[in-house]
Amino acid sequence: MPVHKKRAIDIWKEMKPSSLRRLALAVFLTFGAVGPITILMESSLRLVPWTFVIAQTASLGGFAASIALFARRRWWITTAIVLFWTFVITLNSGGLTLTIGEGGMRANLGTGVGIQDEPNTKRSLVFRPDQLDAIYTQRGILGSLSMLLIAVGYIMFIRVVRKEAGERARFETEVNIAQDIQHSLLPPSTFALSWVSGAGMTIPTSEVGGDFFDIIQLHDDQLVLAVADVTGHGVGAGILSAMAKSALHTEVVHNPSPTYILQNLNRTVYDLSKDQMFVTFAYLFIDRRSHQMYYATAGHPAVFLKRSTADAIESLRTANIGLGLKSEFPFSSGQASFQSGDRLLLYTDGVIEAMNKAGDQFGAQRLMTCLSGSEDSPLAICRDIQNSVKEFTGSDAFQDDITLLAGVFS
């Protein structure tokens, strides 16, 4: 999987709430220093009320911190923040007023409406020594306050960045480990026996997906096909799917019957999964000698069977709950015959629930049409379905993990 270099804005958008709050505090302190600095930049010497200094510092710091906290998702939030804090800063400065003079009308902050004095008029200001001492003392405090705010804000910002970088490094390590585990458990994407051939593919929406498919040849005349979908995405879902797949390989050797497999996998998933995590599962045990398929689904979409002698597509599904929802459940199974030329399709709900821009889902009917109209090659069936979903959604990126497993009997 290609590694895409993240931009700074992407890292900011993906920050956890705790990290985001620390970042907002660092931004508040750093940009709050602009308040005292703007007062020091005034050309006139005057003693500024401390309430104004505090309000100016809090307003400018709050402006920047609000953007860091709330402006990650919607443009209108950023606009509302800018308008609100602009109003606060303007109000704190004395309001926005107009001055009419020889040069025309001017907008001013903090001055009254009136007629400007003659432009060449010069007035001398006289200060007592104690007044000058108070002004210079205040300006020194403002300068020290500015430097202190910038220094503390910078230190906090560096700490936030370092902690975030460390957490991301650990996360990437976990992702790489989970990816390696998943890749090591993936079967070959195609298989071919004398009596059946097949192909499978899985397309995760994140670095580690929760879907998997499996192809297990028990004997020359017996084959197991399975597709599973773990709720959620990411490392936790990937690890649980790897554990479920390992358990499947262990159990299928002892007894490949669907009810036995689902009961034992259910106990394993129930013991290993966290709250509100479960696995939907579709399982087929195919026996060439009897020309029978024994199937079971656990909270999973139906398996499609397209017979060579009929236009209609059969849906193979059993009324079982997802694996891991209850410690014990009386799982049921079904049975269907097959013959040469029949087609099978196992898939996850990411296929039928893929949505276009209008909010319509791809749906089971479109999937059946793809199965009926595709070539006899299992790989061609999977690719046709993948391309159809992309064309329907108008995007190469899917909203949910997609897994397909097709089989054709010879």
Protein backbone atom coordinates (compact mmCIF):
# COMPACT_ATOMS: atom_id res chain seq x y z
CA MET A 1 0.00 0.00 0.00
CA PRO A 2 1.54 3.36 -0.95
CA VAL A 3 2.44 5.73 1.88
CA HIS A 4 1.09 9.24 1.41
CA LYS A 5 2.91 12.11 3.06
CA LYS A 6 0.55 13.86 5.43
CA ARG A 7 0.16 17.62 5.32
CA ALA A 8 0.22 19.68 8.51
CA ILE A 9 -3.49 20.47 8.13
CA ASP A 10 -4.27 16.74 7.91
CA ILE A 11 -2.45 16.09 11.20
CA TRP A 12 -4.36 18.98 12.81
CA LYS A 13 -7.69 17.59 11.58
CA GLU A 14 -6.90 14.12 12.97
CA MET A 15 -5.76 15.23 16.44
CA LYS A 16 -7.47 13.72 19.46
CA PRO A 17 -9.57 16.13 21.58
CA SER A 18 -7.01 16.14 24.41
CA SER A 19 -4.14 17.02 22.05
CA LEU A 20 -6.31 19.60 20.32
CA ARG A 21 -7.06 21.35 23.63
CA ARG A 22 -3.37 21.56 24.48
CA LEU A 23 -2.66 22.91 21.01
CA ALA A 24 -5.40 25.52 21.44
CA LEU A 25 -3.87 26.67 24.75
CA ALA A 26 -0.43 26.99 23.13
CA VAL A 27 -1.96 29.00 20.27
CA PHE A 28 -3.88 31.17 22.77
CA LEU A 29 -0.70 32.11 24.64
CA THR A 30 1.34 32.71 21.50
CA PHE A 31 -1.20 34.87 19.70
CA GLY A 32 -2.33 36.52 22.93
CA ALA A 33 1.09 38.17 22.97
CA VAL A 34 -0.04 40.19 19.98
CA GLY A 35 -2.30 42.17 22.34
CA PRO A 36 0.49 43.83 24.38
CA ILE A 37 2.63 44.12 21.25
CA THR A 38 -0.04 46.16 19.41
CA ILE A 39 -0.19 48.55 22.40
CA LEU A 40 3.61 48.93 22.35
CA MET A 41 3.49 49.68 18.63
CA GLU A 42 1.31 52.77 19.17
CA SER A 43 3.18 55.99 18.36
CA SER A 44 1.53 57.96 21.16
CA LEU A 45 2.64 57.78 24.78
CA ARG A 46 -0.29 57.06 27.08
CA LEU A 47 -1.17 55.01 30.08
CA VAL A 48 -3.45 52.19 28.95
CA PRO A 49 -6.04 50.74 31.36
CA TRP A 50 -5.09 47.22 32.45
CA THR A 51 -8.61 46.02 31.77
CA PHE A 52 -8.06 46.96 28.13
CA VAL A 53 -4.72 45.08 28.08
CA ILE A 54 -6.32 41.94 29.52
CA ALA A 55 -9.30 42.14 27.16
CA GLN A 56 -7.07 42.73 24.12
CA THR A 57 -4.79 39.82 25.04
CA ALA A 58 -7.73 37.46 25.69
CA SER A 59 -9.51 38.54 22.50
CA LEU A 60 -6.57 37.97 20.15
CA GLY A 61 -5.58 34.73 21.88
CA GLY A 62 -9.19 33.54 21.92
CA PHE A 63 -9.51 34.32 18.23
CA ALA A 64 -6.61 32.02 17.31
CA ALA A 65 -7.51 29.32 19.85
CA SER A 66 -11.12 29.17 18.62
CA ILE A 67 -9.94 28.54 15.08
CA ALA A 68 -7.61 25.77 16.29
CA LEU A 69 -10.43 24.15 18.29
CA PHE A 70 -13.51 24.47 16.12
CA ALA A 71 -12.59 25.25 12.51
CA ARG A 72 -11.51 21.77 11.41
CA ARG A 73 -14.60 20.59 9.59
CA ARG A 74 -16.88 23.33 8.22
CA TRP A 75 -16.05 26.60 6.46
CA TRP A 76 -19.00 28.39 8.04
CA ILE A 77 -17.62 27.69 11.51
CA THR A 78 -14.40 29.50 10.58
CA THR A 79 -16.43 32.40 9.18
CA ALA A 80 -18.54 32.65 12.35
CA ILE A 81 -15.41 32.61 14.53
CA VAL A 82 -13.77 35.38 12.50
CA LEU A 83 -16.89 37.57 12.63
CA PHE A 84 -17.43 37.03 16.38
CA TRP A 85 -13.89 37.82 17.46
CA THR A 86 -13.63 40.72 15.03
CA PHE A 87 -16.68 42.21 16.74
CA VAL A 88 -15.18 41.61 20.20
CA ILE A 89 -11.82 43.16 19.30
CA THR A 90 -13.50 46.14 17.64
CA LEU A 91 -15.77 46.69 20.66
CA ASN A 92 -12.82 46.46 23.05
CA SER A 93 -10.92 49.05 21.02
CA GLY A 94 -13.71 51.57 21.40
CA GLY A 95 -15.80 50.72 18.40
CA LEU A 96 -15.59 51.50 14.73
CA THR A 97 -16.25 55.17 13.97
CA LEU A 98 -15.95 57.60 11.09
CA THR A 99 -13.89 60.79 10.86
CA ILE A 100 -14.64 63.43 8.23
CA GLY A 101 -11.80 65.69 7.18
CA GLU A 102 -10.24 67.31 4.18
CA GLY A 103 -9.00 63.95 2.98
CA GLY A 104 -12.51 62.57 2.98
CA MET A 105 -14.20 60.00 5.19
CA ARG A 106 -12.01 57.61 7.21
CA ALA A 107 -12.79 54.60 9.36
CA ASN A 108 -11.15 54.64 12.78
CA LEU A 109 -10.98 52.37 15.81
CA GLY A 110 -11.71 53.98 19.14
CA THR A 111 -12.20 57.63 18.09
CA GLY A 112 -15.34 59.72 18.05
CA VAL A 113 -17.32 60.98 15.09
CA GLY A 114 -16.50 64.60 14.25
CA ILE A 115 -14.60 67.05 12.11
CA GLN A 116 -10.82 66.54 12.02
CA ASP A 117 -8.59 69.40 13.19
CA GLU A 118 -6.48 71.23 10.70
CA PRO A 119 -3.92 68.77 9.35
CA ASN A 120 -0.94 71.05 10.05
CA THR A 121 -1.99 71.81 13.61
CA LYS A 122 0.61 70.58 16.10
CA ARG A 123 -0.05 70.19 19.78
CA SER A 124 2.56 69.60 22.45
CA LEU A 125 1.94 67.12 25.21
CA VAL A 126 3.43 67.76 28.65
CA PHE A 127 3.86 64.94 31.19
CA ARG A 128 4.84 65.11 34.81
CA PRO A 129 7.80 62.88 35.84
CA ASP A 130 5.52 60.52 37.75
CA GLN A 131 3.28 60.12 34.68
CA LEU A 132 6.28 59.30 32.46
CA ASP A 133 7.52 56.79 35.05
CA ALA A 134 4.10 55.09 35.08
CA ILE A 135 3.97 54.96 31.27
CA TYR A 136 7.49 53.51 30.91
CA THR A 137 6.87 51.05 33.73
CA GLN A 138 3.71 49.84 32.02
CA ARG A 139 5.46 49.53 28.65
CA GLY A 140 8.22 47.49 30.28
CA ILE A 141 5.65 45.19 31.85
CA LEU A 142 3.87 44.86 28.49
CA GLY A 143 7.15 43.95 26.76
CA SER A 144 7.99 41.34 29.43
CA LEU A 145 4.43 39.97 29.26
CA SER A 146 4.66 39.60 25.49
CA MET A 147 7.95 37.70 25.68
CA LEU A 148 6.61 35.49 28.49
CA LEU A 149 3.46 34.58 26.57
CA ILE A 150 5.42 33.78 23.40
CA ALA A 151 7.97 31.68 25.32
CA VAL A 152 5.38 29.66 27.26
CA GLY A 153 3.21 29.24 24.17
CA TYR A 154 6.17 28.07 22.11
CA ILE A 155 7.23 25.53 24.76
CA MET A 156 3.70 24.14 24.97
CA PHE A 157 3.45 23.99 21.19
CA ILE A 158 6.71 22.00 20.94
CA ARG A 159 5.51 19.58 23.63
CA VAL A 160 2.20 19.03 21.84
CA VAL A 161 3.97 18.41 18.53
CA ARG A 162 6.48 16.00 20.09
CA LYS A 163 3.78 14.03 21.90
CA GLU A 164 1.63 13.88 18.78
CA ALA A 165 4.63 12.75 16.71
CA GLY A 166 5.41 10.04 19.26
CA GLU A 167 1.82 8.78 19.30
CA ARG A 168 1.71 8.75 15.52
CA ALA A 169 4.98 6.82 15.37
CA ARG A 170 3.56 4.21 17.75
CA PHE A 171 0.33 4.08 15.79
CA GLU A 172 2.18 3.60 12.49
CA THR A 173 4.19 0.79 14.08
CA GLU A 174 0.97 -0.90 15.23
CA VAL A 175 -0.55 -0.43 11.77
CA ASN A 176 2.50 -1.96 10.08
CA ILE A 177 2.37 -4.95 12.41
CA ALA A 178 -1.36 -5.42 11.81
CA GLN A 179 -0.85 -5.10 8.04
CA ASP A 180 1.91 -7.71 8.12
CA ILE A 181 -0.34 -10.06 10.08
CA GLN A 182 -3.22 -9.57 7.65
CA HIS A 183 -1.07 -9.96 4.56
CA SER A 184 0.49 -13.15 5.92
CA LEU A 185 -2.99 -14.65 6.39
CA LEU A 186 -4.36 -13.70 2.98
CA PRO A 187 -4.84 -16.67 0.64
CA PRO A 188 -3.86 -16.50 -3.04
CA SER A 189 -6.26 -14.21 -4.89
CA THR A 190 -7.16 -17.00 -7.34
CA PHE A 191 -7.50 -20.77 -7.13
CA ALA A 192 -8.26 -23.50 -9.66
CA LEU A 193 -9.22 -27.10 -9.08
CA SER A 194 -10.42 -29.63 -11.62
CA TRP A 195 -14.05 -29.01 -10.66
CA VAL A 196 -14.15 -25.41 -9.42
CA SER A 197 -12.18 -22.19 -9.81
CA GLY A 198 -12.41 -18.94 -7.91
CA ALA A 199 -11.00 -15.50 -7.20
CA GLY A 200 -11.21 -13.07 -4.30
CA MET A 201 -10.25 -9.50 -3.49
CA THR A 202 -10.53 -7.15 -0.53
CA ILE A 203 -10.28 -3.35 -0.70
CA PRO A 204 -9.87 -1.68 2.72
CA THR A 205 -10.90 1.93 3.26
CA SER A 206 -8.16 2.49 5.85
CA GLU A 207 -4.63 1.23 6.45
CA VAL A 208 -5.99 -1.92 8.09
CA GLY A 209 -9.38 -3.28 7.04
CA GLY A 210 -11.88 -5.37 8.95
CA ASP A 211 -12.90 -7.62 6.02
CA PHE A 212 -11.30 -10.89 5.01
CA PHE A 213 -11.98 -13.84 2.74
CA ASP A 214 -10.61 -17.35 2.95
CA ILE A 215 -10.25 -20.38 0.69
CA ILE A 216 -9.44 -23.68 2.42
CA GLN A 217 -9.00 -26.90 0.45
CA LEU A 218 -9.65 -29.81 2.78
CA HIS A 219 -9.33 -32.63 0.22
CA ASP A 220 -9.36 -32.90 -3.54
CA ASP A 221 -13.15 -33.10 -3.36
CA GLN A 222 -13.87 -30.68 -0.50
CA LEU A 223 -13.51 -26.91 -0.30
CA VAL A 224 -14.38 -24.19 2.21
CA LEU A 225 -15.14 -20.60 1.19
CA ALA A 226 -15.66 -17.86 3.77
CA VAL A 227 -16.09 -14.10 3.91
CA ALA A 228 -16.21 -12.01 7.10
CA ASP A 229 -16.72 -8.39 8.06
CA VAL A 230 -15.57 -7.06 11.43
CA THR A 231 -17.44 -3.97 12.64
CA GLY A 232 -15.36 -0.82 12.38
CA HIS A 233 -12.01 -0.13 10.77
CA GLY A 234 -8.41 0.26 11.79
CA VAL A 235 -5.99 -1.74 13.89
CA GLY A 236 -8.53 -3.22 16.32
CA ALA A 237 -10.78 -4.52 13.54
CA GLY A 238 -7.78 -5.85 11.62
CA ILE A 239 -6.41 -7.76 14.58
CA LEU A 240 -9.83 -9.25 15.40
CA SER A 241 -10.28 -10.35 11.79
CA ALA A 242 -6.84 -12.01 11.87
CA MET A 243 -7.75 -13.85 15.08
CA ALA A 244 -11.10 -14.98 13.65
CA LYS A 245 -9.38 -16.25 10.53
CA SER A 246 -6.82 -18.18 12.55
CA ALA A 247 -9.61 -19.74 14.60
CA LEU A 248 -11.41 -20.75 11.38
CA HIS A 249 -8.34 -22.63 10.13
CA THR A 250 -8.03 -24.40 13.48
CA GLU A 251 -11.67 -25.47 13.70
CA VAL A 252 -12.32 -26.45 10.09
CA VAL A 253 -9.82 -29.30 10.32
CA HIS A 254 -11.85 -30.94 13.09
CA ASN A 255 -15.30 -30.48 11.62
CA PRO A 256 -16.21 -28.39 8.54
CA SER A 257 -19.96 -28.36 9.14
CA PRO A 258 -21.40 -24.80 9.21
CA THR A 259 -23.10 -25.04 12.61
CA TYR A 260 -19.97 -26.38 14.29
CA ILE A 261 -17.81 -23.68 12.74
CA LEU A 262 -20.15 -20.81 13.65
CA GLN A 263 -20.63 -22.00 17.23
CA ASN A 264 -16.89 -22.25 17.88
CA LEU A 265 -15.99 -19.04 16.07
CA ASN A 266 -18.73 -17.25 17.99
CA ARG A 267 -17.20 -18.28 21.33
CA THR A 268 -13.75 -17.17 20.17
CA VAL A 269 -14.93 -13.78 18.92
CA TYR A 270 -17.06 -13.23 22.02
CA ASP A 271 -14.07 -13.85 24.30
CA LEU A 272 -11.66 -11.72 22.24
CA SER A 273 -13.75 -8.79 21.09
CA LYS A 274 -14.46 -5.57 22.94
CA ASP A 275 -17.94 -4.30 23.67
CA GLN A 276 -20.00 -3.50 20.57
CA MET A 277 -17.58 -5.31 18.26
CA PHE A 278 -18.78 -8.34 16.34
CA VAL A 279 -18.20 -10.20 13.10
CA THR A 280 -20.65 -10.94 10.29
CA PHE A 281 -19.79 -14.18 8.52
CA ALA A 282 -20.71 -16.16 5.40
CA TYR A 283 -19.51 -19.77 5.21
CA LEU A 284 -19.71 -22.47 2.53
CA PHE A 285 -18.60 -26.09 2.78
CA ILE A 286 -18.63 -27.62 -0.71
CA ASP A 287 -18.50 -31.36 -1.31
CA ARG A 288 -17.85 -32.47 -4.89
CA ARG A 289 -18.81 -36.11 -4.33
CA SER A 290 -22.36 -35.30 -3.23
CA HIS A 291 -22.62 -32.13 -5.34
CA GLN A 292 -23.90 -30.38 -2.23
CA MET A 293 -23.08 -27.07 -0.57
CA TYR A 294 -23.64 -26.63 3.16
CA TYR A 295 -23.90 -22.96 4.06
CA ALA A 296 -24.56 -20.59 6.93
CA THR A 297 -24.56 -16.82 7.34
CA ALA A 298 -24.24 -14.96 10.64
CA GLY A 299 -25.67 -11.46 10.33
CA HIS A 300 -24.18 -11.36 6.83
CA PRO A 301 -25.67 -10.61 3.39
CA ALA A 302 -26.90 -13.62 1.42
CA VAL A 303 -24.59 -15.72 -0.74
CA PHE A 304 -25.69 -15.56 -4.39
CA LEU A 305 -25.98 -18.72 -6.49
CA LYS A 306 -26.48 -18.27 -10.24
CA ARG A 307 -27.44 -21.59 -11.79
CA SER A 308 -26.48 -22.30 -15.39
CA THR A 309 -29.99 -23.62 -16.09
CA ALA A 310 -31.96 -20.63 -14.74
CA ASP A 311 -32.00 -16.85 -15.09
CA ALA A 312 -32.99 -16.15 -11.50
CA ILE A 313 -30.36 -15.93 -8.78
CA GLU A 314 -30.87 -17.79 -5.52
CA SER A 315 -30.06 -16.14 -2.19
CA LEU A 316 -28.51 -18.51 0.35
CA ARG A 317 -28.92 -17.11 3.84
CA THR A 318 -29.68 -18.29 7.37
CA ALA A 319 -31.27 -16.31 10.22
CA ASN A 320 -28.28 -16.17 12.57
CA ILE A 321 -26.91 -13.23 14.57
CA GLY A 322 -23.39 -11.87 14.10
CA LEU A 323 -20.50 -13.65 15.77
CA GLY A 324 -19.57 -12.30 19.19
CA LEU A 325 -22.91 -10.72 20.08
CA LYS A 326 -23.85 -13.54 22.49
CA SER A 327 -21.73 -16.19 24.15
CA GLU A 328 -24.13 -18.93 23.00
CA PHE A 329 -26.59 -19.07 20.09
CA PRO A 330 -28.32 -21.96 18.26
CA PHE A 331 -26.82 -21.39 14.82
CA SER A 332 -28.64 -22.95 11.86
CA SER A 333 -27.42 -23.95 8.38
CA GLY A 334 -28.78 -24.67 4.92
CA GLN A 335 -28.06 -26.97 2.00
CA ALA A 336 -28.09 -26.50 -1.78
CA SER A 337 -26.98 -28.56 -4.77
CA PHE A 338 -24.69 -27.38 -7.55
CA GLN A 339 -23.67 -28.48 -11.02
CA SER A 340 -21.24 -27.52 -13.77
CA GLY A 341 -21.60 -23.92 -14.92
CA ASP A 342 -23.12 -22.60 -11.69
CA ARG A 343 -21.65 -19.41 -10.19
CA LEU A 344 -21.18 -18.39 -6.58
CA LEU A 345 -20.65 -14.93 -5.07
CA LEU A 346 -19.78 -14.08 -1.49
CA TYR A 347 -19.38 -10.41 -0.55
CA THR A 348 -19.52 -7.91 2.32
CA ASP A 349 -22.11 -5.19 2.81
CA GLY A 350 -19.64 -2.53 1.67
CA VAL A 351 -20.61 -3.54 -1.88
CA ILE A 352 -24.40 -3.27 -1.68
CA GLU A 353 -24.32 -0.26 0.68
CA ALA A 354 -21.98 1.82 -1.51
CA MET A 355 -23.73 5.13 -2.16
CA ASN A 356 -23.69 7.57 -5.05
CA LYS A 357 -23.88 11.35 -4.77
CA ALA A 358 -27.67 11.24 -4.69
CA GLY A 359 -27.61 8.99 -1.61
CA ASP A 360 -28.80 5.86 -3.44
CA GLN A 361 -27.24 2.51 -2.54
CA PHE A 362 -25.72 0.12 -5.08
CA GLY A 363 -28.06 -2.56 -3.78
CA ALA A 364 -28.41 -6.30 -4.16
CA GLN A 365 -30.25 -6.10 -7.49
CA ARG A 366 -27.37 -4.32 -9.25
CA LEU A 367 -24.98 -6.87 -7.76
CA MET A 368 -27.11 -9.71 -9.16
CA THR A 369 -27.07 -8.06 -12.56
CA CYS A 370 -23.28 -7.93 -12.45
CA LEU A 371 -23.10 -11.60 -11.54
CA SER A 372 -25.44 -12.57 -14.38
CA GLY A 373 -23.76 -10.43 -17.01
CA SER A 374 -20.10 -11.14 -16.23
CA GLU A 375 -17.90 -13.62 -17.98
CA ASP A 376 -17.36 -17.10 -16.57
CA SER A 377 -13.97 -16.16 -15.17
CA PRO A 378 -14.21 -15.62 -11.37
CA LEU A 379 -11.57 -12.88 -11.55
CA ALA A 380 -13.56 -11.13 -14.29
CA ILE A 381 -16.68 -11.29 -12.08
CA CYS A 382 -14.86 -9.58 -9.21
CA ARG A 383 -13.36 -6.91 -11.45
CA ASP A 384 -16.66 -6.21 -13.18
CA ILE A 385 -18.35 -5.72 -9.82
CA GLN A 386 -15.56 -3.47 -8.58
CA ASN A 387 -15.73 -1.31 -11.72
CA SER A 388 -19.54 -1.15 -11.54
CA VAL A 389 -19.43 0.08 -7.94
CA LYS A 390 -16.84 2.73 -8.84
CA GLU A 391 -18.93 3.89 -11.79
CA PHE A 392 -22.07 3.98 -9.64
CA THR A 393 -20.49 5.96 -6.80
CA GLY A 394 -18.44 8.19 -9.10
CA SER A 395 -15.36 7.66 -6.94
CA ASP A 396 -12.38 5.33 -6.66
CA ALA A 397 -12.59 5.54 -2.86
CA PHE A 398 -15.21 3.44 -1.07
CA GLN A 399 -17.04 4.39 2.14
CA ASP A 400 -16.65 0.90 3.61
CA ASP A 401 -14.32 -2.06 3.17
CA ILE A 402 -15.25 -4.17 0.14
CA THR A 403 -14.59 -7.89 -0.18
CA LEU A 404 -15.60 -10.19 -3.03
CA LEU A 405 -15.17 -13.95 -3.48
CA ALA A 406 -16.48 -15.56 -6.68
CA GLY A 407 -16.52 -19.20 -7.72
CA VAL A 408 -17.44 -21.04 -10.93
CA PHE A 409 -18.07 -24.78 -11.08
CA SER A 410 -16.55 -26.70 -14.01
